[in-house]
Amino acid sequence: MKKRIGDILTEMGFIDKVQLEMALSETKKTGAMLGDILLRLDWVTEEQLQMAIGVQSGAQILDTESVKVDYELITKIPQKFVSSHGIFPFEKEGSVLKAATANPFDVVAKDELSRMTGCQVETFIASKEWVSKAIELYYKTALTIDNDIESIIHTAGLGEGEFEENKVVRLFNLLIDKGYVLGASDIHIVPDTNLVRVYYRIDGVLNQQYLLPKSFQQSIVTRCKIMADMDISNPNIPHDGRIKYLGGAAQFDMRVSTFPTQLGETVVMRLLIYSKVVGELERLGFEKDDLVRFLKNIRRADGC
């Protein structure tokens, strides 16, 4: 018989018995989930709740900062389904489909996902907020990036002044968003004779993704150098800088380098997406009972 989530949180030392009784009383009044009430009262953090759910369910906690999403899965599983069940499929490994959810006990969602894909479903724990944002990003943002980029390319040179400048800013951000969505480690913007080539390095392999009009070349390089606080007055020497990207897909840092060539400046952007340290204890190999005991003891004054 599984332990109740409230008992696990108490044993871990995240809440005391008085808080548990008060929260349970609130669940009876409102019908809300115990975890949601504890979060709303700020008595536990998302990480603490996820660790307790992990102990209860046996599911692993998803490392949301370094997870790589299989873009092809998005086209095969309806958004309506993942949104209604709060489950986000992110990777297929052989016959196993990995999915993130705040509720690993939702057997109906797992069975339906298995039926749709023909795969065995393995669930990983993530916050409701992260799952919701991931669905928003990959089903809405990701699927419109290509259309938006193509639209900008097809209207190149049709505007002027501020209108053209806004298109370049939008295009530059979309290229970065696409890199994040694809799980790229680097974005290469390479000038050619009559066009500009955009490559993404994914799992160590450089893949050409877009061909941009030559007319965008200087504007994109200038936009990049301004954001990276580089000297835009001297294109004949290499430059290095850093961008703190706060765009549509996510927020992360990028290390940027430019290098002069006969056809113009080449740009390389390294996406620096660091893994979280908080919430990693569950992945260290503790047995469930040992993890509960460890977390309980480190909160005691005498440490034992």
C-alpha atoms as a PDB file:
ATOM      1  CA  MET A   1       0.000   0.000   0.000  1.00  0.00           C
ATOM      2  CA  LYS A   2       1.379   3.384  -1.059  1.00  0.00           C
ATOM      3  CA  LYS A   3       2.042   5.998   1.583  1.00  0.00           C
ATOM      4  CA  ARG A   4      -0.054   9.132   1.366  1.00  0.00           C
ATOM      5  CA  ILE A   5       1.696  12.185  -0.051  1.00  0.00           C
ATOM      6  CA  GLY A   6       1.056  14.148   3.151  1.00  0.00           C
ATOM      7  CA  ASP A   7       2.721  11.477   5.273  1.00  0.00           C
ATOM      8  CA  ILE A   8       5.745  11.409   2.961  1.00  0.00           C
ATOM      9  CA  LEU A   9       6.119  15.199   3.113  1.00  0.00           C
ATOM     10  CA  THR A  10       5.908  15.010   6.906  1.00  0.00           C
ATOM     11  CA  GLU A  11       8.491  12.233   7.117  1.00  0.00           C
ATOM     12  CA  MET A  12      10.813  14.207   4.872  1.00  0.00           C
ATOM     13  CA  GLY A  13      10.517  17.137   7.246  1.00  0.00           C
ATOM     14  CA  PHE A  14       9.017  19.485   4.653  1.00  0.00           C
ATOM     15  CA  ILE A  15       5.841  20.087   6.713  1.00  0.00           C
ATOM     16  CA  ASP A  16       4.771  19.313  10.259  1.00  0.00           C
ATOM     17  CA  LYS A  17       1.665  17.466  11.445  1.00  0.00           C
ATOM     18  CA  VAL A  18      -0.225  20.665  12.257  1.00  0.00           C
ATOM     19  CA  GLN A  19       0.287  21.986   8.729  1.00  0.00           C
ATOM     20  CA  LEU A  20      -0.778  18.631   7.301  1.00  0.00           C
ATOM     21  CA  GLU A  21      -4.025  18.600   9.289  1.00  0.00           C
ATOM     22  CA  MET A  22      -4.812  22.180   8.259  1.00  0.00           C
ATOM     23  CA  ALA A  23      -4.128  21.395   4.598  1.00  0.00           C
ATOM     24  CA  LEU A  24      -6.230  18.216   4.721  1.00  0.00           C
ATOM     25  CA  SER A  25      -9.082  20.204   6.220  1.00  0.00           C
ATOM     26  CA  GLU A  26      -8.793  22.639   3.313  1.00  0.00           C
ATOM     27  CA  THR A  27      -8.955  19.797   0.766  1.00  0.00           C
ATOM     28  CA  LYS A  28     -12.261  18.655   2.270  1.00  0.00           C
ATOM     29  CA  LYS A  29     -13.684  22.173   1.997  1.00  0.00           C
ATOM     30  CA  THR A  30     -12.480  23.014  -1.506  1.00  0.00           C
ATOM     31  CA  GLY A  31     -11.923  19.661  -3.197  1.00  0.00           C
ATOM     32  CA  ALA A  32      -8.471  20.824  -4.281  1.00  0.00           C
ATOM     33  CA  MET A  33      -5.465  18.502  -4.349  1.00  0.00           C
ATOM     34  CA  LEU A  34      -3.331  18.446  -1.199  1.00  0.00           C
ATOM     35  CA  GLY A  35      -0.179  19.322  -3.139  1.00  0.00           C
ATOM     36  CA  ASP A  36      -1.846  22.342  -4.754  1.00  0.00           C
ATOM     37  CA  ILE A  37      -3.000  23.611  -1.364  1.00  0.00           C
ATOM     38  CA  LEU A  38       0.458  23.223   0.173  1.00  0.00           C
ATOM     39  CA  LEU A  39       1.979  25.104  -2.762  1.00  0.00           C
ATOM     40  CA  ARG A  40      -0.616  27.871  -2.512  1.00  0.00           C
ATOM     41  CA  LEU A  41       0.063  28.249   1.213  1.00  0.00           C
ATOM     42  CA  ASP A  42       3.795  28.330   0.414  1.00  0.00           C
ATOM     43  CA  TRP A  43       4.444  25.488   2.871  1.00  0.00           C
ATOM     44  CA  VAL A  44       6.340  23.414   0.310  1.00  0.00           C
ATOM     45  CA  THR A  45       8.258  24.215  -2.863  1.00  0.00           C
ATOM     46  CA  GLU A  46       7.727  22.634  -6.280  1.00  0.00           C
ATOM     47  CA  GLU A  47      10.973  20.695  -5.834  1.00  0.00           C
ATOM     48  CA  GLN A  48       9.911  19.317  -2.450  1.00  0.00           C
ATOM     49  CA  LEU A  49       6.505  18.246  -3.752  1.00  0.00           C
ATOM     50  CA  GLN A  50       8.090  16.572  -6.780  1.00  0.00           C
ATOM     51  CA  MET A  51      10.525  14.659  -4.583  1.00  0.00           C
ATOM     52  CA  ALA A  52       7.649  13.382  -2.448  1.00  0.00           C
ATOM     53  CA  ILE A  53       5.645  12.353  -5.526  1.00  0.00           C
ATOM     54  CA  GLY A  54       8.761  10.597  -6.803  1.00  0.00           C
ATOM     55  CA  VAL A  55       9.038   8.600  -3.584  1.00  0.00           C
ATOM     56  CA  GLN A  56       5.332   7.762  -3.720  1.00  0.00           C
ATOM     57  CA  SER A  57       5.160   6.809  -7.404  1.00  0.00           C
ATOM     58  CA  GLY A  58       8.643   5.562  -8.187  1.00  0.00           C
ATOM     59  CA  ALA A  59       8.832   7.961 -11.152  1.00  0.00           C
ATOM     60  CA  GLN A  60      11.957  10.025 -11.775  1.00  0.00           C
ATOM     61  CA  ILE A  61      12.020  13.816 -11.551  1.00  0.00           C
ATOM     62  CA  LEU A  62      12.543  15.398 -14.961  1.00  0.00           C
ATOM     63  CA  ASP A  63      15.606  17.608 -15.392  1.00  0.00           C
ATOM     64  CA  THR A  64      13.650  20.359 -17.112  1.00  0.00           C
ATOM     65  CA  GLU A  65      16.671  22.535 -17.846  1.00  0.00           C
ATOM     66  CA  SER A  66      18.503  19.989 -19.992  1.00  0.00           C
ATOM     67  CA  VAL A  67      15.666  17.889 -21.400  1.00  0.00           C
ATOM     68  CA  LYS A  68      15.819  17.419 -25.166  1.00  0.00           C
ATOM     69  CA  VAL A  69      12.486  17.349 -26.938  1.00  0.00           C
ATOM     70  CA  ASP A  70      11.882  15.213 -30.030  1.00  0.00           C
ATOM     71  CA  TYR A  71      10.318  17.742 -32.369  1.00  0.00           C
ATOM     72  CA  GLU A  72       8.757  15.001 -34.531  1.00  0.00           C
ATOM     73  CA  LEU A  73       6.584  13.806 -31.625  1.00  0.00           C
ATOM     74  CA  ILE A  74       4.744  17.120 -31.650  1.00  0.00           C
ATOM     75  CA  THR A  75       3.299  16.381 -35.086  1.00  0.00           C
ATOM     76  CA  LYS A  76       2.002  12.939 -34.064  1.00  0.00           C
ATOM     77  CA  ILE A  77       0.190  13.593 -30.773  1.00  0.00           C
ATOM     78  CA  PRO A  78      -2.773  16.018 -30.681  1.00  0.00           C
ATOM     79  CA  GLN A  79      -2.378  19.158 -28.589  1.00  0.00           C
ATOM     80  CA  LYS A  80      -5.933  18.800 -27.276  1.00  0.00           C
ATOM     81  CA  PHE A  81      -5.010  15.471 -25.689  1.00  0.00           C
ATOM     82  CA  VAL A  82      -1.799  16.603 -23.988  1.00  0.00           C
ATOM     83  CA  SER A  83      -3.415  19.818 -22.754  1.00  0.00           C
ATOM     84  CA  SER A  84      -6.474  18.102 -21.278  1.00  0.00           C
ATOM     85  CA  HIS A  85      -4.382  15.460 -19.486  1.00  0.00           C
ATOM     86  CA  GLY A  86      -1.468  17.701 -18.505  1.00  0.00           C
ATOM     87  CA  ILE A  87       1.067  15.319 -20.007  1.00  0.00           C
ATOM     88  CA  PHE A  88       3.918  16.280 -22.345  1.00  0.00           C
ATOM     89  CA  PRO A  89       5.670  13.598 -24.447  1.00  0.00           C
ATOM     90  CA  PHE A  90       9.253  14.686 -25.061  1.00  0.00           C
ATOM     91  CA  GLU A  91      11.306  11.717 -26.265  1.00  0.00           C
ATOM     92  CA  LYS A  92      10.985   8.314 -27.905  1.00  0.00           C
ATOM     93  CA  GLU A  93      13.673   5.745 -27.170  1.00  0.00           C
ATOM     94  CA  GLY A  94      13.064   2.490 -29.002  1.00  0.00           C
ATOM     95  CA  SER A  95       9.590   1.335 -27.990  1.00  0.00           C
ATOM     96  CA  VAL A  96       9.522   3.572 -24.901  1.00  0.00           C
ATOM     97  CA  LEU A  97       7.876   6.991 -24.974  1.00  0.00           C
ATOM     98  CA  LYS A  98       8.980   9.395 -22.245  1.00  0.00           C
ATOM     99  CA  ALA A  99       6.445  11.936 -21.006  1.00  0.00           C
ATOM    100  CA  ALA A 100       6.422  14.669 -18.360  1.00  0.00           C
ATOM    101  CA  THR A 101       3.489  15.112 -15.996  1.00  0.00           C
ATOM    102  CA  ALA A 102       2.675  16.462 -12.556  1.00  0.00           C
ATOM    103  CA  ASN A 103       0.454  13.424 -11.989  1.00  0.00           C
ATOM    104  CA  PRO A 104       2.250  10.124 -12.706  1.00  0.00           C
ATOM    105  CA  PHE A 105      -0.798   8.246 -11.335  1.00  0.00           C
ATOM    106  CA  ASP A 106      -3.001   9.213 -14.319  1.00  0.00           C
ATOM    107  CA  VAL A 107      -3.358   5.719 -15.789  1.00  0.00           C
ATOM    108  CA  VAL A 108      -5.956   6.858 -18.340  1.00  0.00           C
ATOM    109  CA  ALA A 109      -3.529   9.354 -19.898  1.00  0.00           C
ATOM    110  CA  LYS A 110      -0.713   6.792 -20.026  1.00  0.00           C
ATOM    111  CA  ASP A 111      -2.942   4.113 -21.577  1.00  0.00           C
ATOM    112  CA  GLU A 112      -4.328   6.480 -24.212  1.00  0.00           C
ATOM    113  CA  LEU A 113      -0.848   7.771 -25.070  1.00  0.00           C
ATOM    114  CA  SER A 114       0.341   4.190 -25.385  1.00  0.00           C
ATOM    115  CA  ARG A 115      -2.594   3.355 -27.665  1.00  0.00           C
ATOM    116  CA  MET A 116      -1.918   6.361 -29.918  1.00  0.00           C
ATOM    117  CA  THR A 117       1.802   5.706 -30.296  1.00  0.00           C
ATOM    118  CA  GLY A 118       2.114   1.951 -29.858  1.00  0.00           C
ATOM    119  CA  CYS A 119       4.786   2.594 -27.234  1.00  0.00           C
ATOM    120  CA  GLN A 120       5.250   1.787 -23.587  1.00  0.00           C
ATOM    121  CA  VAL A 121       4.928   5.075 -21.676  1.00  0.00           C
ATOM    122  CA  GLU A 122       7.400   6.080 -18.982  1.00  0.00           C
ATOM    123  CA  THR A 123       6.382   9.143 -16.985  1.00  0.00           C
ATOM    124  CA  PHE A 124       8.695  11.720 -15.443  1.00  0.00           C
ATOM    125  CA  ILE A 125       7.644  14.220 -12.790  1.00  0.00           C
ATOM    126  CA  ALA A 126       7.516  17.934 -13.612  1.00  0.00           C
ATOM    127  CA  SER A 127       5.525  20.845 -12.231  1.00  0.00           C
ATOM    128  CA  LYS A 128       2.115  21.679 -13.698  1.00  0.00           C
ATOM    129  CA  GLU A 129       3.489  25.067 -14.694  1.00  0.00           C
ATOM    130  CA  TRP A 130       6.418  23.561 -16.605  1.00  0.00           C
ATOM    131  CA  VAL A 131       4.209  21.048 -18.427  1.00  0.00           C
ATOM    132  CA  SER A 132       1.776  23.796 -19.393  1.00  0.00           C
ATOM    133  CA  LYS A 133       4.559  26.061 -20.660  1.00  0.00           C
ATOM    134  CA  ALA A 134       6.190  23.205 -22.578  1.00  0.00           C
ATOM    135  CA  ILE A 135       2.923  22.441 -24.354  1.00  0.00           C
ATOM    136  CA  GLU A 136       2.504  26.140 -25.139  1.00  0.00           C
ATOM    137  CA  LEU A 137       6.044  26.398 -26.473  1.00  0.00           C
ATOM    138  CA  TYR A 138       6.297  23.255 -28.546  1.00  0.00           C
ATOM    139  CA  TYR A 139       2.745  23.071 -29.869  1.00  0.00           C
ATOM    140  CA  LYS A 140       2.155  26.749 -30.538  1.00  0.00           C
ATOM    141  CA  THR A 141       5.464  28.594 -30.692  1.00  0.00           C
ATOM    142  CA  ALA A 142       7.501  25.825 -32.321  1.00  0.00           C
ATOM    143  CA  LEU A 143       4.981  25.032 -35.031  1.00  0.00           C
ATOM    144  CA  THR A 144       4.710  28.684 -36.074  1.00  0.00           C
ATOM    145  CA  ILE A 145       8.449  29.473 -36.122  1.00  0.00           C
ATOM    146  CA  ASP A 146       9.014  28.062 -39.616  1.00  0.00           C
ATOM    147  CA  ASN A 147       5.955  29.861 -41.000  1.00  0.00           C
ATOM    148  CA  ASP A 148       7.036  33.166 -39.453  1.00  0.00           C
ATOM    149  CA  ILE A 149      10.588  32.843 -40.777  1.00  0.00           C
ATOM    150  CA  GLU A 150       9.348  31.980 -44.270  1.00  0.00           C
ATOM    151  CA  SER A 151       6.997  34.961 -44.172  1.00  0.00           C
ATOM    152  CA  ILE A 152       9.857  37.312 -43.265  1.00  0.00           C
ATOM    153  CA  ILE A 153      12.083  35.840 -45.996  1.00  0.00           C
ATOM    154  CA  HIS A 154       9.382  36.261 -48.658  1.00  0.00           C
ATOM    155  CA  THR A 155       8.801  39.908 -47.723  1.00  0.00           C
ATOM    156  CA  ALA A 156      12.514  40.795 -47.665  1.00  0.00           C
ATOM    157  CA  GLY A 157      13.100  44.223 -49.149  1.00  0.00           C
ATOM    158  CA  LEU A 158       9.405  45.073 -49.436  1.00  0.00           C
ATOM    159  CA  GLY A 159       9.511  47.464 -46.490  1.00  0.00           C
ATOM    160  CA  GLU A 160      11.890  50.177 -45.431  1.00  0.00           C
ATOM    161  CA  GLY A 161      13.283  51.959 -42.389  1.00  0.00           C
ATOM    162  CA  GLU A 162      11.842  50.912 -39.045  1.00  0.00           C
ATOM    163  CA  PHE A 163       9.663  48.222 -40.645  1.00  0.00           C
ATOM    164  CA  GLU A 164      12.687  46.390 -42.094  1.00  0.00           C
ATOM    165  CA  GLU A 165      14.592  46.799 -38.824  1.00  0.00           C
ATOM    166  CA  ASN A 166      11.734  45.206 -36.882  1.00  0.00           C
ATOM    167  CA  LYS A 167      11.733  42.274 -39.311  1.00  0.00           C
ATOM    168  CA  VAL A 168      15.443  41.680 -38.690  1.00  0.00           C
ATOM    169  CA  VAL A 169      14.946  41.762 -34.912  1.00  0.00           C
ATOM    170  CA  ARG A 170      12.037  39.327 -35.225  1.00  0.00           C
ATOM    171  CA  LEU A 171      13.991  37.038 -37.565  1.00  0.00           C
ATOM    172  CA  PHE A 172      17.036  36.976 -35.290  1.00  0.00           C
ATOM    173  CA  ASN A 173      14.889  36.010 -32.281  1.00  0.00           C
ATOM    174  CA  LEU A 174      13.082  33.314 -34.269  1.00  0.00           C
ATOM    175  CA  LEU A 175      16.393  31.755 -35.338  1.00  0.00           C
ATOM    176  CA  ILE A 176      17.410  31.516 -31.677  1.00  0.00           C
ATOM    177  CA  ASP A 177      13.995  30.168 -30.628  1.00  0.00           C
ATOM    178  CA  LYS A 178      14.292  27.488 -33.300  1.00  0.00           C
ATOM    179  CA  GLY A 179      17.697  26.490 -31.947  1.00  0.00           C
ATOM    180  CA  TYR A 180      16.279  26.109 -28.457  1.00  0.00           C
ATOM    181  CA  VAL A 181      13.303  24.081 -29.676  1.00  0.00           C
ATOM    182  CA  LEU A 182      15.564  21.746 -31.669  1.00  0.00           C
ATOM    183  CA  GLY A 183      17.892  21.268 -28.704  1.00  0.00           C
ATOM    184  CA  ALA A 184      20.827  22.736 -30.649  1.00  0.00           C
ATOM    185  CA  SER A 185      24.113  23.450 -28.893  1.00  0.00           C
ATOM    186  CA  ASP A 186      25.239  25.993 -31.501  1.00  0.00           C
ATOM    187  CA  ILE A 187      23.778  28.224 -34.197  1.00  0.00           C
ATOM    188  CA  HIS A 188      25.999  29.097 -37.187  1.00  0.00           C
ATOM    189  CA  ILE A 189      25.155  31.991 -39.504  1.00  0.00           C
ATOM    190  CA  VAL A 190      27.422  31.661 -42.536  1.00  0.00           C
ATOM    191  CA  PRO A 191      27.587  34.103 -45.489  1.00  0.00           C
ATOM    192  CA  ASP A 192      27.694  32.667 -49.010  1.00  0.00           C
ATOM    193  CA  THR A 193      27.952  34.323 -52.420  1.00  0.00           C
ATOM    194  CA  ASN A 194      24.261  35.079 -52.959  1.00  0.00           C
ATOM    195  CA  LEU A 195      22.660  34.074 -49.666  1.00  0.00           C
ATOM    196  CA  VAL A 196      23.183  33.370 -45.969  1.00  0.00           C
ATOM    197  CA  ARG A 197      23.141  29.829 -44.599  1.00  0.00           C
ATOM    198  CA  VAL A 198      21.856  29.031 -41.094  1.00  0.00           C
ATOM    199  CA  TYR A 199      23.048  25.819 -39.449  1.00  0.00           C
ATOM    200  CA  TYR A 200      22.153  24.179 -36.122  1.00  0.00           C
ATOM    201  CA  ARG A 201      24.491  21.787 -34.337  1.00  0.00           C
ATOM    202  CA  ILE A 202      22.381  18.992 -32.841  1.00  0.00           C
ATOM    203  CA  ASP A 203      24.032  16.063 -31.056  1.00  0.00           C
ATOM    204  CA  GLY A 204      27.358  17.111 -32.544  1.00  0.00           C
ATOM    205  CA  VAL A 205      26.112  17.164 -36.148  1.00  0.00           C
ATOM    206  CA  LEU A 206      25.810  20.414 -38.124  1.00  0.00           C
ATOM    207  CA  ASN A 207      22.490  20.617 -40.010  1.00  0.00           C
ATOM    208  CA  GLN A 208      21.572  23.305 -42.536  1.00  0.00           C
ATOM    209  CA  GLN A 209      18.112  24.651 -41.705  1.00  0.00           C
ATOM    210  CA  TYR A 210      17.495  27.941 -43.531  1.00  0.00           C
ATOM    211  CA  LEU A 211      18.693  29.902 -46.552  1.00  0.00           C
ATOM    212  CA  LEU A 212      18.276  33.651 -45.993  1.00  0.00           C
ATOM    213  CA  PRO A 213      18.424  36.456 -48.572  1.00  0.00           C
ATOM    214  CA  LYS A 214      21.831  38.122 -48.855  1.00  0.00           C
ATOM    215  CA  SER A 215      20.133  41.436 -48.043  1.00  0.00           C
ATOM    216  CA  PHE A 216      19.654  40.281 -44.433  1.00  0.00           C
ATOM    217  CA  GLN A 217      23.327  39.468 -43.871  1.00  0.00           C
ATOM    218  CA  GLN A 218      24.711  42.736 -42.523  1.00  0.00           C
ATOM    219  CA  SER A 219      21.594  43.567 -40.510  1.00  0.00           C
ATOM    220  CA  ILE A 220      21.622  40.197 -38.728  1.00  0.00           C
ATOM    221  CA  VAL A 221      25.341  40.432 -37.933  1.00  0.00           C
ATOM    222  CA  THR A 222      24.909  43.978 -36.643  1.00  0.00           C
ATOM    223  CA  ARG A 223      21.908  42.976 -34.520  1.00  0.00           C
ATOM    224  CA  CYS A 224      23.891  40.107 -33.023  1.00  0.00           C
ATOM    225  CA  LYS A 225      26.943  42.267 -32.282  1.00  0.00           C
ATOM    226  CA  ILE A 226      24.850  44.980 -30.632  1.00  0.00           C
ATOM    227  CA  MET A 227      23.144  42.436 -28.360  1.00  0.00           C
ATOM    228  CA  ALA A 228      26.513  40.875 -27.505  1.00  0.00           C
ATOM    229  CA  ASP A 229      28.034  44.301 -26.763  1.00  0.00           C
ATOM    230  CA  MET A 230      30.612  43.945 -29.544  1.00  0.00           C
ATOM    231  CA  ASP A 231      32.340  46.654 -31.571  1.00  0.00           C
ATOM    232  CA  ILE A 232      30.288  47.039 -34.757  1.00  0.00           C
ATOM    233  CA  SER A 233      32.730  49.514 -36.324  1.00  0.00           C
ATOM    234  CA  ASN A 234      35.430  46.959 -37.174  1.00  0.00           C
ATOM    235  CA  PRO A 235      34.250  43.922 -39.160  1.00  0.00           C
ATOM    236  CA  ASN A 236      37.778  42.890 -40.129  1.00  0.00           C
ATOM    237  CA  ILE A 237      38.802  41.251 -36.848  1.00  0.00           C
ATOM    238  CA  PRO A 238      37.240  38.451 -34.767  1.00  0.00           C
ATOM    239  CA  HIS A 239      34.968  39.479 -31.896  1.00  0.00           C
ATOM    240  CA  ASP A 240      33.667  37.634 -28.831  1.00  0.00           C
ATOM    241  CA  GLY A 241      30.736  38.529 -26.603  1.00  0.00           C
ATOM    242  CA  ARG A 242      27.803  37.242 -24.631  1.00  0.00           C
ATOM    243  CA  ILE A 243      24.033  37.608 -24.930  1.00  0.00           C
ATOM    244  CA  LYS A 244      21.473  37.113 -22.177  1.00  0.00           C
ATOM    245  CA  TYR A 245      18.556  36.004 -24.299  1.00  0.00           C
ATOM    246  CA  LEU A 246      15.072  36.836 -23.036  1.00  0.00           C
ATOM    247  CA  GLY A 247      13.051  35.751 -26.034  1.00  0.00           C
ATOM    248  CA  GLY A 248       9.863  33.841 -26.693  1.00  0.00           C
ATOM    249  CA  ALA A 249      11.094  30.284 -26.229  1.00  0.00           C
ATOM    250  CA  ALA A 250      13.085  30.566 -23.020  1.00  0.00           C
ATOM    251  CA  GLN A 251      15.652  32.596 -21.120  1.00  0.00           C
ATOM    252  CA  PHE A 252      19.315  31.584 -21.299  1.00  0.00           C
ATOM    253  CA  ASP A 253      22.806  32.876 -22.013  1.00  0.00           C
ATOM    254  CA  MET A 254      24.679  32.611 -25.298  1.00  0.00           C
ATOM    255  CA  ARG A 255      28.383  32.878 -26.014  1.00  0.00           C
ATOM    256  CA  VAL A 256      28.869  34.646 -29.348  1.00  0.00           C
ATOM    257  CA  SER A 257      31.814  34.800 -31.753  1.00  0.00           C
ATOM    258  CA  THR A 258      32.160  36.537 -35.120  1.00  0.00           C
ATOM    259  CA  PHE A 259      34.902  35.895 -37.651  1.00  0.00           C
ATOM    260  CA  PRO A 260      35.661  37.853 -40.848  1.00  0.00           C
ATOM    261  CA  THR A 261      35.637  36.037 -44.210  1.00  0.00           C
ATOM    262  CA  GLN A 262      35.815  37.189 -47.836  1.00  0.00           C
ATOM    263  CA  LEU A 263      32.027  36.941 -48.066  1.00  0.00           C
ATOM    264  CA  GLY A 264      31.299  38.731 -44.779  1.00  0.00           C
ATOM    265  CA  GLU A 265      31.291  37.945 -41.068  1.00  0.00           C
ATOM    266  CA  THR A 266      30.425  34.464 -39.827  1.00  0.00           C
ATOM    267  CA  VAL A 267      28.482  34.259 -36.544  1.00  0.00           C
ATOM    268  CA  VAL A 268      28.566  31.346 -34.101  1.00  0.00           C
ATOM    269  CA  MET A 269      26.274  31.341 -31.052  1.00  0.00           C
ATOM    270  CA  ARG A 270      26.673  28.737 -28.308  1.00  0.00           C
ATOM    271  CA  LEU A 271      23.472  28.179 -26.284  1.00  0.00           C
ATOM    272  CA  LEU A 272      24.377  27.888 -22.603  1.00  0.00           C
ATOM    273  CA  ILE A 273      21.459  26.073 -20.983  1.00  0.00           C
ATOM    274  CA  TYR A 274      22.562  24.888 -17.572  1.00  0.00           C
ATOM    275  CA  SER A 275      21.026  22.004 -15.644  1.00  0.00           C
ATOM    276  CA  LYS A 276      19.381  22.632 -12.306  1.00  0.00           C
ATOM    277  CA  VAL A 277      21.186  21.540  -9.176  1.00  0.00           C
ATOM    278  CA  VAL A 278      18.164  21.835  -6.906  1.00  0.00           C
ATOM    279  CA  GLY A 279      15.981  18.737  -6.858  1.00  0.00           C
ATOM    280  CA  GLU A 280      18.735  16.372  -8.010  1.00  0.00           C
ATOM    281  CA  LEU A 281      18.963  14.238  -4.834  1.00  0.00           C
ATOM    282  CA  GLU A 282      16.413  11.772  -6.185  1.00  0.00           C
ATOM    283  CA  ARG A 283      18.797  10.966  -9.061  1.00  0.00           C
ATOM    284  CA  LEU A 284      21.752  10.071  -6.830  1.00  0.00           C
ATOM    285  CA  GLY A 285      20.597   6.481  -6.433  1.00  0.00           C
ATOM    286  CA  PHE A 286      19.005   6.609  -2.976  1.00  0.00           C
ATOM    287  CA  GLU A 287      16.500   3.890  -2.150  1.00  0.00           C
ATOM    288  CA  LYS A 288      13.128   5.476  -1.340  1.00  0.00           C
ATOM    289  CA  ASP A 289      13.284   4.806   2.401  1.00  0.00           C
ATOM    290  CA  ASP A 290      16.907   5.976   2.569  1.00  0.00           C
ATOM    291  CA  LEU A 291      16.028   9.213   0.778  1.00  0.00           C
ATOM    292  CA  VAL A 292      13.192   9.916   3.214  1.00  0.00           C
ATOM    293  CA  ARG A 293      15.486   9.169   6.162  1.00  0.00           C
ATOM    294  CA  PHE A 294      18.295  11.334   4.751  1.00  0.00           C
ATOM    295  CA  LEU A 295      16.042  14.342   4.108  1.00  0.00           C
ATOM    296  CA  LYS A 296      14.477  14.009   7.533  1.00  0.00           C
ATOM    297  CA  ASN A 297      17.840  13.818   9.323  1.00  0.00           C
ATOM    298  CA  ILE A 298      19.516  16.762   7.588  1.00  0.00           C
ATOM    299  CA  ARG A 299      16.744  18.978   8.940  1.00  0.00           C
ATOM    300  CA  ARG A 300      17.346  17.919  12.542  1.00  0.00           C
ATOM    301  CA  ALA A 301      19.438  20.116  14.788  1.00  0.00           C
ATOM    302  CA  ASP A 302      21.779  17.263  15.723  1.00  0.00           C
ATOM    303  CA  GLY A 303      21.899  15.846  12.200  1.00  0.00           C
ATOM    304  CA  CYS A 304      21.075  12.281  13.172  1.00  0.00           C
END
